[in-house]
């Protein structure tokens, strides 16, 4: 990947999203083209066993699309690997998911709000969750408030724009195998005194494919992540 810094590097972790990934990438390319942003997409295929790799091969080989096919490590390690590449490639880093649940056309307001900020976060409006997932979200918010004094509304949102200099400082202290690094990053931003603004973004439930975690798996994973979140809070004080 070209090491000349660009305006924006976009980290997109992908796992078994053959039905969504083409539309996702295409919609983001259009938005960036309309905004005339010099960007690179860092797409990390985390060991998908469906047709994701074939679909990704349909995109032309060019400097603005960097596709990494890797063995399955999980969502957290995959995001962190993307962040490591992104902070070296661009002035700003955006992390999104590949399921199209938060549309690309909500991005211009985040981009326009970046001036004078260290980070710009979306927060999902109109989001409907199961009882289990809603409870997990509430506990996550409470955890980052207790251990980081962080009051970001949607601490785990995959729709976050962060200045690369700030993000590089934070991820250097997060172990590679951390399960939920985005929550830790949200808390760390508060602890190091970063300026963060938040904007509402629409939430549209996925129409194709299935989430990789059911409620029971999500609950088990949440317990693990809350322990990590608490332990890592000492790394940024």
Protein backbone atom coordinates (compact mmCIF):
# COMPACT_ATOMS: atom_id res chain seq x y z
CA UNK A 1 0.00 0.00 0.00
CA UNK A 2 1.25 3.50 -0.89
CA UNK A 3 2.67 5.13 2.25
CA UNK A 4 2.00 8.70 1.06
CA UNK A 5 -0.59 10.03 3.55
CA UNK A 6 -4.08 10.54 2.17
CA UNK A 7 -7.02 12.38 3.71
CA UNK A 8 -8.89 9.34 4.96
CA UNK A 9 -8.31 5.64 5.56
CA UNK A 10 -11.41 3.49 6.05
CA UNK A 11 -11.19 0.25 8.04
CA UNK A 12 -13.81 -2.33 7.04
CA UNK A 13 -13.71 -5.74 8.77
CA UNK A 14 -15.63 -8.37 6.81
CA UNK A 15 -16.82 -11.82 7.76
CA UNK A 16 -19.24 -13.81 5.59
CA UNK A 17 -20.88 -10.77 4.00
CA UNK A 18 -21.18 -11.99 0.41
CA UNK A 19 -24.67 -10.47 0.16
CA UNK A 20 -23.76 -7.05 1.53
CA UNK A 21 -20.12 -6.24 0.83
CA UNK A 22 -20.41 -5.16 -2.82
CA UNK A 23 -23.19 -2.70 -2.09
CA UNK A 24 -21.36 -1.48 1.00
CA UNK A 25 -18.09 -0.74 -0.77
CA UNK A 26 -19.79 0.75 -3.84
CA UNK A 27 -21.90 3.12 -1.75
CA UNK A 28 -18.87 4.39 0.15
CA UNK A 29 -16.84 4.92 -3.02
CA UNK A 30 -19.66 7.09 -4.38
CA UNK A 31 -19.83 9.21 -1.21
CA UNK A 32 -16.07 9.76 -1.16
CA UNK A 33 -16.09 10.65 -4.84
CA UNK A 34 -18.89 13.18 -4.31
CA UNK A 35 -16.94 14.74 -1.42
CA UNK A 36 -13.71 14.70 -3.46
CA UNK A 37 -11.84 12.97 -0.62
CA UNK A 38 -8.47 11.37 -1.23
CA UNK A 39 -9.05 8.02 0.49
CA UNK A 40 -8.02 4.41 0.82
CA UNK A 41 -10.34 1.55 1.78
CA UNK A 42 -8.66 -1.08 3.95
CA UNK A 43 -10.93 -4.11 3.64
CA UNK A 44 -10.02 -7.03 5.91
CA UNK A 45 -11.61 -10.35 5.00
CA UNK A 46 -11.43 -12.24 8.31
CA UNK A 47 -11.39 -15.82 7.03
CA UNK A 48 -14.83 -15.76 5.42
CA UNK A 49 -15.92 -19.18 4.19
CA UNK A 50 -18.74 -17.95 1.92
CA UNK A 51 -18.33 -16.07 -1.40
CA UNK A 52 -16.98 -12.87 0.16
CA UNK A 53 -13.52 -13.28 -1.38
CA UNK A 54 -14.98 -13.78 -4.85
CA UNK A 55 -17.21 -10.71 -4.52
CA UNK A 56 -14.30 -8.59 -3.37
CA UNK A 57 -12.31 -9.72 -6.41
CA UNK A 58 -14.83 -7.84 -8.58
CA UNK A 59 -13.38 -4.52 -7.46
CA UNK A 60 -10.52 -3.25 -9.64
CA UNK A 61 -6.99 -3.37 -8.28
CA UNK A 62 -6.17 0.25 -7.51
CA UNK A 63 -4.35 2.25 -4.85
CA UNK A 64 -7.61 3.39 -3.21
CA UNK A 65 -8.77 -0.18 -2.43
CA UNK A 66 -6.51 -2.36 -0.29
CA UNK A 67 -7.95 -5.84 0.32
CA UNK A 68 -6.42 -8.14 2.93
CA UNK A 69 -7.45 -11.81 3.03
CA UNK A 70 -6.46 -13.30 6.38
CA UNK A 71 -7.19 -16.22 8.64
CA UNK A 72 -10.05 -15.80 11.07
CA UNK A 73 -9.02 -13.95 14.24
CA UNK A 74 -12.29 -12.33 15.28
CA UNK A 75 -13.75 -8.87 14.97
CA UNK A 76 -11.55 -7.10 17.53
CA UNK A 77 -8.13 -8.24 16.30
CA UNK A 78 -9.22 -7.60 12.73
CA UNK A 79 -10.20 -4.01 13.52
CA UNK A 80 -6.92 -3.42 15.33
CA UNK A 81 -4.90 -4.73 12.39
CA UNK A 82 -6.79 -2.35 10.14
CA UNK A 83 -6.17 0.56 12.49
CA UNK A 84 -2.42 -0.13 12.51
CA UNK A 85 -2.33 0.19 8.72
CA UNK A 86 -4.74 3.11 8.64
CA UNK A 87 -2.85 5.43 10.99
CA UNK A 88 0.20 5.08 8.75
CA UNK A 89 -1.79 5.79 5.60
CA UNK A 90 -3.97 8.82 6.36
CA UNK A 91 -4.64 11.89 8.45
CA UNK A 92 -8.06 10.60 9.52
CA UNK A 93 -9.31 7.08 10.16
CA UNK A 94 -12.91 5.93 9.76
CA UNK A 95 -14.11 2.53 10.95
CA UNK A 96 -17.32 1.09 9.55
CA UNK A 97 -18.96 -2.31 9.35
CA UNK A 98 -19.84 -4.14 6.15
CA UNK A 99 -23.52 -4.83 6.89
CA UNK A 100 -24.93 -1.48 5.65
CA UNK A 101 -26.84 -0.96 8.89
CA UNK A 102 -25.54 2.62 9.01
CA UNK A 103 -25.65 4.03 5.47
CA UNK A 104 -22.76 5.76 3.75
CA UNK A 105 -24.83 8.83 2.93
CA UNK A 106 -24.79 9.82 6.62
CA UNK A 107 -21.03 10.37 6.44
CA UNK A 108 -20.80 13.92 5.01
CA UNK A 109 -22.01 15.43 8.29
CA UNK A 110 -19.25 13.60 10.21
CA UNK A 111 -16.61 14.73 7.75
CA UNK A 112 -17.74 18.34 7.86
CA UNK A 113 -17.66 18.29 11.69
CA UNK A 114 -14.07 17.09 12.03
CA UNK A 115 -12.48 20.54 12.20
CA UNK A 116 -11.19 21.32 15.69
CA UNK A 117 -12.02 17.78 16.84
CA UNK A 118 -9.95 14.74 17.71
CA UNK A 119 -12.83 12.43 16.86
CA UNK A 120 -16.38 12.50 15.53
CA UNK A 121 -18.71 9.67 16.53
CA UNK A 122 -22.11 8.75 15.26
CA UNK A 123 -24.75 7.46 17.60
CA UNK A 124 -27.51 5.21 16.33
CA UNK A 125 -31.01 6.61 16.37
CA UNK A 126 -34.09 4.42 16.05
CA UNK A 127 -32.19 1.25 16.81
CA UNK A 128 -34.28 -1.72 17.92
CA UNK A 129 -32.53 -4.51 19.83
CA UNK A 130 -33.49 -7.71 21.57
CA UNK A 131 -33.71 -7.60 25.37
CA UNK A 132 -30.34 -9.33 25.71
CA UNK A 133 -28.51 -6.99 23.31
CA UNK A 134 -30.18 -3.93 24.78
CA UNK A 135 -29.02 -5.01 28.23
CA UNK A 136 -25.47 -5.59 26.95
CA UNK A 137 -25.42 -2.10 25.43
CA UNK A 138 -26.56 -0.53 28.69
CA UNK A 139 -23.98 -2.42 30.72
CA UNK A 140 -21.27 -1.39 28.22
CA UNK A 141 -22.21 2.28 28.64
CA UNK A 142 -22.16 1.90 32.42
CA UNK A 143 -18.78 0.15 32.31
CA UNK A 144 -17.02 2.87 30.33
CA UNK A 145 -18.57 5.52 32.55
CA UNK A 146 -17.33 3.85 35.71
CA UNK A 147 -13.83 2.93 34.53
CA UNK A 148 -13.12 5.76 32.07
CA UNK A 149 -15.57 8.51 33.07
CA UNK A 150 -16.66 8.32 29.43
CA UNK A 151 -20.12 9.56 28.47
CA UNK A 152 -20.06 8.81 24.76
CA UNK A 153 -23.60 7.73 23.85
CA UNK A 154 -22.70 4.81 21.60
CA UNK A 155 -19.27 3.67 22.78
CA UNK A 156 -19.10 0.63 20.49
CA UNK A 157 -20.47 2.19 17.30
CA UNK A 158 -18.77 1.12 14.06
CA UNK A 159 -19.15 4.62 12.61
CA UNK A 160 -16.31 6.62 14.09
CA UNK A 161 -13.90 9.14 12.62
CA UNK A 162 -10.65 9.67 14.58
CA UNK A 163 -7.54 11.70 13.84
CA UNK A 164 -4.71 9.28 13.12
CA UNK A 165 -2.25 10.91 15.55
CA UNK A 166 -4.69 10.42 18.42
CA UNK A 167 -5.69 6.91 17.39
CA UNK A 168 -2.05 5.82 17.02
CA UNK A 169 -1.33 6.80 20.64
CA UNK A 170 -4.27 4.76 21.86
CA UNK A 171 -3.92 1.56 19.85
CA UNK A 172 -0.25 1.32 20.83
CA UNK A 173 -1.50 0.42 24.32
CA UNK A 174 -4.21 -2.06 23.31
CA UNK A 175 -3.21 -5.76 23.02
CA UNK A 176 -3.75 -7.25 19.57
CA UNK A 177 -6.25 -9.88 20.76
CA UNK A 178 -8.58 -7.47 22.57
CA UNK A 179 -12.16 -8.53 21.93
CA UNK A 180 -13.86 -5.10 21.88
CA UNK A 181 -11.20 -2.49 21.11
CA UNK A 182 -13.69 0.15 19.98
CA UNK A 183 -15.15 0.41 23.47
CA UNK A 184 -11.67 0.75 24.94
CA UNK A 185 -10.81 3.42 22.36
CA UNK A 186 -13.93 5.37 23.32
CA UNK A 187 -12.92 5.32 26.96
CA UNK A 188 -9.30 6.14 26.18
CA UNK A 189 -10.31 9.22 24.19
CA UNK A 190 -11.92 10.58 27.33
CA UNK A 191 -9.01 9.69 29.59
CA UNK A 192 -6.40 11.42 27.43
CA UNK A 193 -8.55 14.55 27.15
CA UNK A 194 -9.55 14.29 23.48
CA UNK A 195 -12.17 16.55 21.94
CA UNK A 196 -15.01 14.36 20.69
CA UNK A 197 -18.26 15.41 19.09
CA UNK A 198 -21.27 13.15 18.45
CA UNK A 199 -23.88 13.23 15.72
CA UNK A 200 -27.02 11.13 15.23
CA UNK A 201 -26.89 8.63 12.36
CA UNK A 202 -29.73 6.46 11.02
CA UNK A 203 -29.83 2.78 11.81
CA UNK A 204 -31.31 0.42 9.21
CA UNK A 205 -31.51 -3.27 10.20
CA UNK A 206 -29.73 -5.54 7.78
CA UNK A 207 -31.91 -6.96 5.01
CA UNK A 208 -29.49 -9.68 3.89
CA UNK A 209 -27.13 -12.05 5.65
CA UNK A 210 -27.06 -12.77 9.36
CA UNK A 211 -25.09 -11.40 12.26
CA UNK A 212 -22.15 -13.54 13.36
CA UNK A 213 -23.29 -13.56 17.02
CA UNK A 214 -26.62 -14.77 18.37
CA UNK A 215 -27.88 -13.43 21.70
CA UNK A 216 -26.24 -16.19 23.76
CA UNK A 217 -22.88 -15.78 22.02
CA UNK A 218 -23.15 -12.02 22.38
CA UNK A 219 -23.77 -12.38 26.12
CA UNK A 220 -20.75 -14.65 26.60
CA UNK A 221 -18.58 -12.30 24.57
CA UNK A 222 -19.83 -9.30 26.52
CA UNK A 223 -18.67 -10.78 29.82
CA UNK A 224 -15.19 -11.25 28.38
CA UNK A 225 -15.11 -7.75 26.91
CA UNK A 226 -16.24 -6.04 30.15
CA UNK A 227 -13.34 -7.65 32.02
CA UNK A 228 -10.92 -6.44 29.34
CA UNK A 229 -12.42 -2.95 29.36
CA UNK A 230 -11.96 -2.64 33.11
CA UNK A 231 -8.39 -3.99 33.03
CA UNK A 232 -7.26 -1.78 30.14
CA UNK A 233 -8.62 1.39 31.77
CA UNK A 234 -5.40 1.56 33.78
CA UNK A 235 -3.37 1.88 30.57
CA UNK A 236 -4.48 5.43 29.81
CA UNK A 237 -4.30 7.19 33.17
